[in-house]
Amino acid sequence: MRTGYFYSLAFALLTSASIAAIAAPATKVEAVTAPLAVQVAPSGEVAKVDLNAADATTLQRELTGVGEAKAKAIVAYRESNGPFASVDELLEVKGIGKAILDKNRDKLEVN
C-alpha cells in the first residue's frame, strides 16, 4: 500500500508540474547587453569646496584626511578670524599641516 501511495503522489506531482509548464504564458526573453565602455564626463572641472561657505559636514566628507574634529576646527577658525583670504591660510588651523593641504589643494577654493 505504501508503494502505491508513493507512486500516486509522484504521478500527481509530475502531472501538475507538466500542466503548469504548458499553461504558463510564453514570455519573450530580451537579450540584455551590457555596455562595453562607460562614458565618463570630462574631468577637466572638479567641483571645489569653498572654505568660506562649507559647513563642517561638507568639509569632512569632501576633504581627504579631514575628520570631524579638523572640520570643526576649520569652521571655528573661520568664525573667529573671519573668512579665509587664501587656501594657504588653512595652515593656520590647528591640526591642518602641509601634507593635508597638499592632498586637498585641488579641491579647495576661496570665494
N, C-alpha and C. Protein backbone atom coordinates (compact mmCIF):
# COMPACT_ATOMS: atom_id res chain seq x y z
N MET A 1 0.82 -1.19 0.00
CA MET A 1 0.00 0.00 0.00
C MET A 1 0.87 1.26 0.00
N ARG A 2 1.96 1.20 0.74
CA ARG A 2 2.83 2.37 0.77
C ARG A 2 3.42 2.66 -0.60
N THR A 3 3.77 1.66 -1.34
CA THR A 3 4.33 1.84 -2.66
C THR A 3 3.31 2.46 -3.60
N GLY A 4 2.07 2.02 -3.53
CA GLY A 4 1.01 2.58 -4.36
C GLY A 4 0.74 4.04 -4.02
N TYR A 5 0.77 4.36 -2.73
CA TYR A 5 0.58 5.74 -2.28
C TYR A 5 1.70 6.63 -2.81
N PHE A 6 2.94 6.14 -2.74
CA PHE A 6 4.09 6.90 -3.22
C PHE A 6 4.00 7.14 -4.72
N TYR A 7 3.63 6.11 -5.49
CA TYR A 7 3.51 6.26 -6.93
C TYR A 7 2.39 7.24 -7.30
N SER A 8 1.32 7.23 -6.56
CA SER A 8 0.22 8.16 -6.82
C SER A 8 0.65 9.60 -6.55
N LEU A 9 1.36 9.78 -5.46
CA LEU A 9 1.86 11.11 -5.12
C LEU A 9 2.86 11.62 -6.16
N ALA A 10 3.76 10.74 -6.61
CA ALA A 10 4.73 11.13 -7.62
C ALA A 10 4.04 11.46 -8.94
N PHE A 11 3.05 10.68 -9.31
CA PHE A 11 2.30 10.93 -10.53
C PHE A 11 1.59 12.28 -10.47
N ALA A 12 0.96 12.58 -9.34
CA ALA A 12 0.24 13.84 -9.19
C ALA A 12 1.21 15.03 -9.27
N LEU A 13 2.35 14.88 -8.65
CA LEU A 13 3.35 15.96 -8.67
C LEU A 13 3.86 16.21 -10.09
N LEU A 14 4.21 15.16 -10.79
CA LEU A 14 4.73 15.32 -12.15
C LEU A 14 3.66 15.84 -13.10
N THR A 15 2.44 15.40 -12.93
CA THR A 15 1.34 15.87 -13.78
C THR A 15 1.10 17.36 -13.57
N SER A 16 1.06 17.78 -12.30
CA SER A 16 0.82 19.20 -12.04
C SER A 16 1.97 20.06 -12.55
N ALA A 17 3.19 19.55 -12.47
CA ALA A 17 4.35 20.31 -12.96
C ALA A 17 4.29 20.44 -14.47
N SER A 18 3.89 19.40 -15.18
CA SER A 18 3.84 19.49 -16.64
C SER A 18 2.68 20.38 -17.09
N ILE A 19 1.56 20.34 -16.37
CA ILE A 19 0.43 21.22 -16.71
C ILE A 19 0.81 22.67 -16.48
N ALA A 20 1.50 22.93 -15.39
CA ALA A 20 1.92 24.31 -15.09
C ALA A 20 2.88 24.82 -16.16
N ALA A 21 3.74 23.94 -16.65
CA ALA A 21 4.70 24.36 -17.68
C ALA A 21 4.01 24.63 -19.00
N ILE A 22 3.00 23.85 -19.31
CA ILE A 22 2.27 24.05 -20.56
C ILE A 22 1.37 25.27 -20.48
N ALA A 23 0.75 25.51 -19.32
CA ALA A 23 -0.21 26.59 -19.17
C ALA A 23 0.47 27.95 -18.94
N ALA A 24 1.72 27.96 -18.60
CA ALA A 24 2.41 29.22 -18.33
C ALA A 24 2.49 30.03 -19.61
N PRO A 25 2.23 31.32 -19.50
CA PRO A 25 2.31 32.15 -20.70
C PRO A 25 3.76 32.23 -21.20
N ALA A 26 3.89 32.20 -22.48
CA ALA A 26 5.22 32.30 -23.08
C ALA A 26 5.68 33.74 -22.99
N THR A 27 6.81 33.96 -22.39
CA THR A 27 7.36 35.31 -22.29
C THR A 27 8.54 35.42 -23.24
N LYS A 28 8.60 36.55 -23.83
CA LYS A 28 9.69 36.80 -24.77
C LYS A 28 10.90 37.27 -23.97
N VAL A 29 11.98 36.58 -24.09
CA VAL A 29 13.20 36.93 -23.38
C VAL A 29 14.00 37.87 -24.25
N GLU A 30 14.24 39.04 -23.70
CA GLU A 30 15.02 40.03 -24.45
C GLU A 30 16.47 39.94 -24.00
N ALA A 31 17.33 39.94 -24.95
CA ALA A 31 18.75 39.88 -24.63
C ALA A 31 19.20 41.24 -24.11
N VAL A 32 19.78 41.25 -22.96
CA VAL A 32 20.28 42.48 -22.37
C VAL A 32 21.79 42.47 -22.52
N THR A 33 22.28 43.48 -23.17
CA THR A 33 23.73 43.56 -23.35
C THR A 33 24.27 44.70 -22.52
N ALA A 34 25.31 44.44 -21.83
CA ALA A 34 25.95 45.46 -21.03
C ALA A 34 26.83 46.32 -21.93
N PRO A 35 26.90 47.60 -21.64
CA PRO A 35 27.78 48.43 -22.46
C PRO A 35 29.24 48.02 -22.27
N LEU A 36 29.98 48.10 -23.34
CA LEU A 36 31.38 47.71 -23.26
C LEU A 36 32.22 48.77 -22.57
N ALA A 37 31.82 49.99 -22.70
CA ALA A 37 32.55 51.08 -22.06
C ALA A 37 31.55 52.06 -21.49
N VAL A 38 31.87 52.62 -20.38
CA VAL A 38 31.01 53.60 -19.74
C VAL A 38 31.58 54.98 -20.03
N GLN A 39 30.73 55.84 -20.52
CA GLN A 39 31.20 57.19 -20.79
C GLN A 39 31.25 57.98 -19.49
N VAL A 40 32.31 58.68 -19.30
CA VAL A 40 32.51 59.48 -18.11
C VAL A 40 32.63 60.93 -18.55
N ALA A 41 32.02 61.80 -17.77
CA ALA A 41 32.11 63.22 -18.08
C ALA A 41 33.57 63.65 -18.02
N PRO A 42 33.94 64.61 -18.83
CA PRO A 42 35.32 65.08 -18.79
C PRO A 42 35.68 65.57 -17.40
N SER A 43 36.86 65.19 -16.96
CA SER A 43 37.27 65.54 -15.60
C SER A 43 38.06 66.85 -15.55
N GLY A 44 37.87 67.71 -16.50
CA GLY A 44 38.59 68.97 -16.52
C GLY A 44 38.19 69.87 -15.37
N GLU A 45 36.94 69.85 -14.98
CA GLU A 45 36.45 70.73 -13.92
C GLU A 45 35.94 69.88 -12.76
N VAL A 46 36.61 69.98 -11.63
CA VAL A 46 36.23 69.25 -10.44
C VAL A 46 35.47 70.21 -9.53
N ALA A 47 34.39 69.73 -8.93
CA ALA A 47 33.63 70.56 -8.00
C ALA A 47 34.52 70.89 -6.81
N LYS A 48 34.64 72.16 -6.51
CA LYS A 48 35.53 72.59 -5.44
C LYS A 48 34.74 72.97 -4.20
N VAL A 49 35.40 72.85 -3.07
CA VAL A 49 34.81 73.19 -1.78
C VAL A 49 35.25 74.61 -1.42
N ASP A 50 34.28 75.47 -1.15
CA ASP A 50 34.58 76.84 -0.75
C ASP A 50 34.85 76.87 0.75
N LEU A 51 36.06 77.23 1.14
CA LEU A 51 36.43 77.26 2.55
C LEU A 51 35.59 78.26 3.35
N ASN A 52 35.09 79.29 2.71
CA ASN A 52 34.33 80.31 3.42
C ASN A 52 32.83 80.02 3.50
N ALA A 53 32.36 78.99 2.80
CA ALA A 53 30.93 78.71 2.80
C ALA A 53 30.59 77.31 3.28
N ALA A 54 31.53 76.39 3.23
CA ALA A 54 31.24 74.99 3.56
C ALA A 54 31.08 74.79 5.07
N ASP A 55 30.13 73.94 5.42
CA ASP A 55 29.94 73.60 6.83
C ASP A 55 30.87 72.44 7.19
N ALA A 56 30.90 72.08 8.47
CA ALA A 56 31.82 71.05 8.95
C ALA A 56 31.54 69.70 8.30
N THR A 57 30.28 69.37 8.08
CA THR A 57 29.93 68.09 7.48
C THR A 57 30.46 67.99 6.05
N THR A 58 30.32 69.07 5.29
CA THR A 58 30.81 69.08 3.91
C THR A 58 32.33 68.97 3.88
N LEU A 59 33.00 69.70 4.75
CA LEU A 59 34.46 69.65 4.79
C LEU A 59 34.93 68.23 5.13
N GLN A 60 34.27 67.62 6.09
CA GLN A 60 34.65 66.26 6.50
C GLN A 60 34.44 65.27 5.37
N ARG A 61 33.34 65.42 4.64
CA ARG A 61 33.00 64.48 3.58
C ARG A 61 33.89 64.65 2.35
N GLU A 62 34.21 65.86 2.00
CA GLU A 62 34.88 66.15 0.73
C GLU A 62 36.41 66.16 0.80
N LEU A 63 36.97 66.42 1.96
CA LEU A 63 38.42 66.59 2.06
C LEU A 63 39.08 65.33 2.60
N THR A 64 40.20 64.97 1.99
CA THR A 64 40.97 63.80 2.40
C THR A 64 41.76 64.12 3.66
N GLY A 65 41.67 63.25 4.65
CA GLY A 65 42.44 63.43 5.88
C GLY A 65 41.81 64.40 6.86
N VAL A 66 40.59 64.85 6.59
CA VAL A 66 39.90 65.78 7.48
C VAL A 66 38.72 65.04 8.10
N GLY A 67 38.82 64.83 9.41
CA GLY A 67 37.75 64.19 10.15
C GLY A 67 36.85 65.23 10.79
N GLU A 68 36.04 64.76 11.72
CA GLU A 68 35.08 65.65 12.38
C GLU A 68 35.76 66.77 13.16
N ALA A 69 36.81 66.42 13.92
CA ALA A 69 37.49 67.42 14.75
C ALA A 69 38.17 68.50 13.89
N LYS A 70 38.84 68.09 12.83
CA LYS A 70 39.53 69.06 11.97
C LYS A 70 38.53 69.92 11.21
N ALA A 71 37.42 69.33 10.78
CA ALA A 71 36.39 70.11 10.08
C ALA A 71 35.80 71.16 11.01
N LYS A 72 35.54 70.79 12.24
CA LYS A 72 35.02 71.76 13.22
C LYS A 72 36.06 72.83 13.53
N ALA A 73 37.34 72.46 13.55
CA ALA A 73 38.40 73.43 13.79
C ALA A 73 38.48 74.44 12.65
N ILE A 74 38.26 73.99 11.42
CA ILE A 74 38.27 74.91 10.27
C ILE A 74 37.13 75.91 10.39
N VAL A 75 35.95 75.42 10.73
CA VAL A 75 34.78 76.30 10.87
C VAL A 75 34.99 77.27 12.03
N ALA A 76 35.54 76.79 13.15
CA ALA A 76 35.79 77.65 14.31
C ALA A 76 36.81 78.73 13.97
N TYR A 77 37.86 78.36 13.23
CA TYR A 77 38.87 79.35 12.82
C TYR A 77 38.23 80.43 11.95
N ARG A 78 37.39 80.01 11.03
CA ARG A 78 36.71 80.95 10.13
C ARG A 78 35.79 81.88 10.91
N GLU A 79 35.10 81.35 11.91
CA GLU A 79 34.18 82.18 12.69
C GLU A 79 34.92 83.17 13.58
N SER A 80 36.08 82.78 14.09
CA SER A 80 36.81 83.68 14.98
C SER A 80 37.73 84.65 14.23
N ASN A 81 38.25 84.28 13.07
CA ASN A 81 39.21 85.13 12.35
C ASN A 81 38.66 85.73 11.07
N GLY A 82 37.42 85.45 10.74
CA GLY A 82 36.85 85.96 9.50
C GLY A 82 37.12 85.01 8.36
N PRO A 83 36.65 85.36 7.18
CA PRO A 83 36.80 84.47 6.03
C PRO A 83 38.26 84.28 5.64
N PHE A 84 38.52 83.12 5.04
CA PHE A 84 39.86 82.81 4.57
C PHE A 84 40.21 83.72 3.39
N ALA A 85 41.42 84.26 3.40
CA ALA A 85 41.88 85.10 2.30
C ALA A 85 42.47 84.24 1.17
N SER A 86 43.04 83.10 1.53
CA SER A 86 43.62 82.20 0.53
C SER A 86 43.55 80.77 1.07
N VAL A 87 43.77 79.83 0.20
CA VAL A 87 43.76 78.43 0.59
C VAL A 87 44.93 78.14 1.53
N ASP A 88 46.05 78.84 1.34
CA ASP A 88 47.23 78.62 2.18
C ASP A 88 46.99 79.03 3.63
N GLU A 89 46.02 79.87 3.88
CA GLU A 89 45.71 80.28 5.26
C GLU A 89 45.17 79.10 6.07
N LEU A 90 44.78 78.04 5.41
CA LEU A 90 44.29 76.84 6.08
C LEU A 90 45.37 76.23 6.98
N LEU A 91 46.64 76.52 6.68
CA LEU A 91 47.75 76.03 7.51
C LEU A 91 47.72 76.60 8.92
N GLU A 92 47.01 77.71 9.11
CA GLU A 92 46.90 78.34 10.43
C GLU A 92 45.95 77.57 11.35
N VAL A 93 45.15 76.70 10.80
CA VAL A 93 44.18 75.93 11.59
C VAL A 93 44.91 74.80 12.30
N LYS A 94 44.64 74.64 13.60
CA LYS A 94 45.28 73.59 14.38
C LYS A 94 44.88 72.22 13.81
N GLY A 95 45.88 71.39 13.55
CA GLY A 95 45.64 70.05 13.04
C GLY A 95 45.76 69.93 11.53
N ILE A 96 45.84 71.06 10.85
CA ILE A 96 46.00 71.04 9.39
C ILE A 96 47.45 71.35 9.07
N GLY A 97 48.11 70.39 8.45
CA GLY A 97 49.51 70.57 8.09
C GLY A 97 49.68 70.65 6.59
N LYS A 98 50.91 70.77 6.18
CA LYS A 98 51.23 70.90 4.76
C LYS A 98 50.78 69.67 3.97
N ALA A 99 50.91 68.48 4.54
CA ALA A 99 50.53 67.25 3.84
C ALA A 99 49.04 67.23 3.53
N ILE A 100 48.22 67.59 4.50
CA ILE A 100 46.77 67.60 4.28
C ILE A 100 46.40 68.69 3.27
N LEU A 101 47.04 69.84 3.37
CA LEU A 101 46.76 70.91 2.42
C LEU A 101 47.14 70.50 1.01
N ASP A 102 48.28 69.86 0.85
CA ASP A 102 48.72 69.43 -0.48
C ASP A 102 47.79 68.38 -1.08
N LYS A 103 47.26 67.47 -0.25
CA LYS A 103 46.32 66.45 -0.74
C LYS A 103 45.03 67.08 -1.25
N ASN A 104 44.64 68.20 -0.64
CA ASN A 104 43.33 68.78 -0.92
C ASN A 104 43.37 70.08 -1.69
N ARG A 105 44.53 70.55 -2.07
CA ARG A 105 44.65 71.85 -2.71
C ARG A 105 43.78 71.98 -3.96
N ASP A 106 43.69 70.91 -4.76
CA ASP A 106 42.89 70.97 -5.99
C ASP A 106 41.40 70.98 -5.71
N LYS A 107 40.98 70.58 -4.53
CA LYS A 107 39.56 70.53 -4.17
C LYS A 107 39.07 71.81 -3.51
N LEU A 108 39.99 72.70 -3.16
CA LEU A 108 39.63 73.88 -2.37
C LEU A 108 39.63 75.15 -3.18
N GLU A 109 38.78 76.08 -2.75
CA GLU A 109 38.76 77.43 -3.31
C GLU A 109 38.31 78.38 -2.22
N VAL A 110 38.59 79.66 -2.43
CA VAL A 110 38.20 80.70 -1.50
C VAL A 110 37.44 81.76 -2.28
N ASN A 111 36.19 81.95 -1.93
CA ASN A 111 35.36 82.98 -2.59
C ASN A 111 34.99 84.05 -1.62
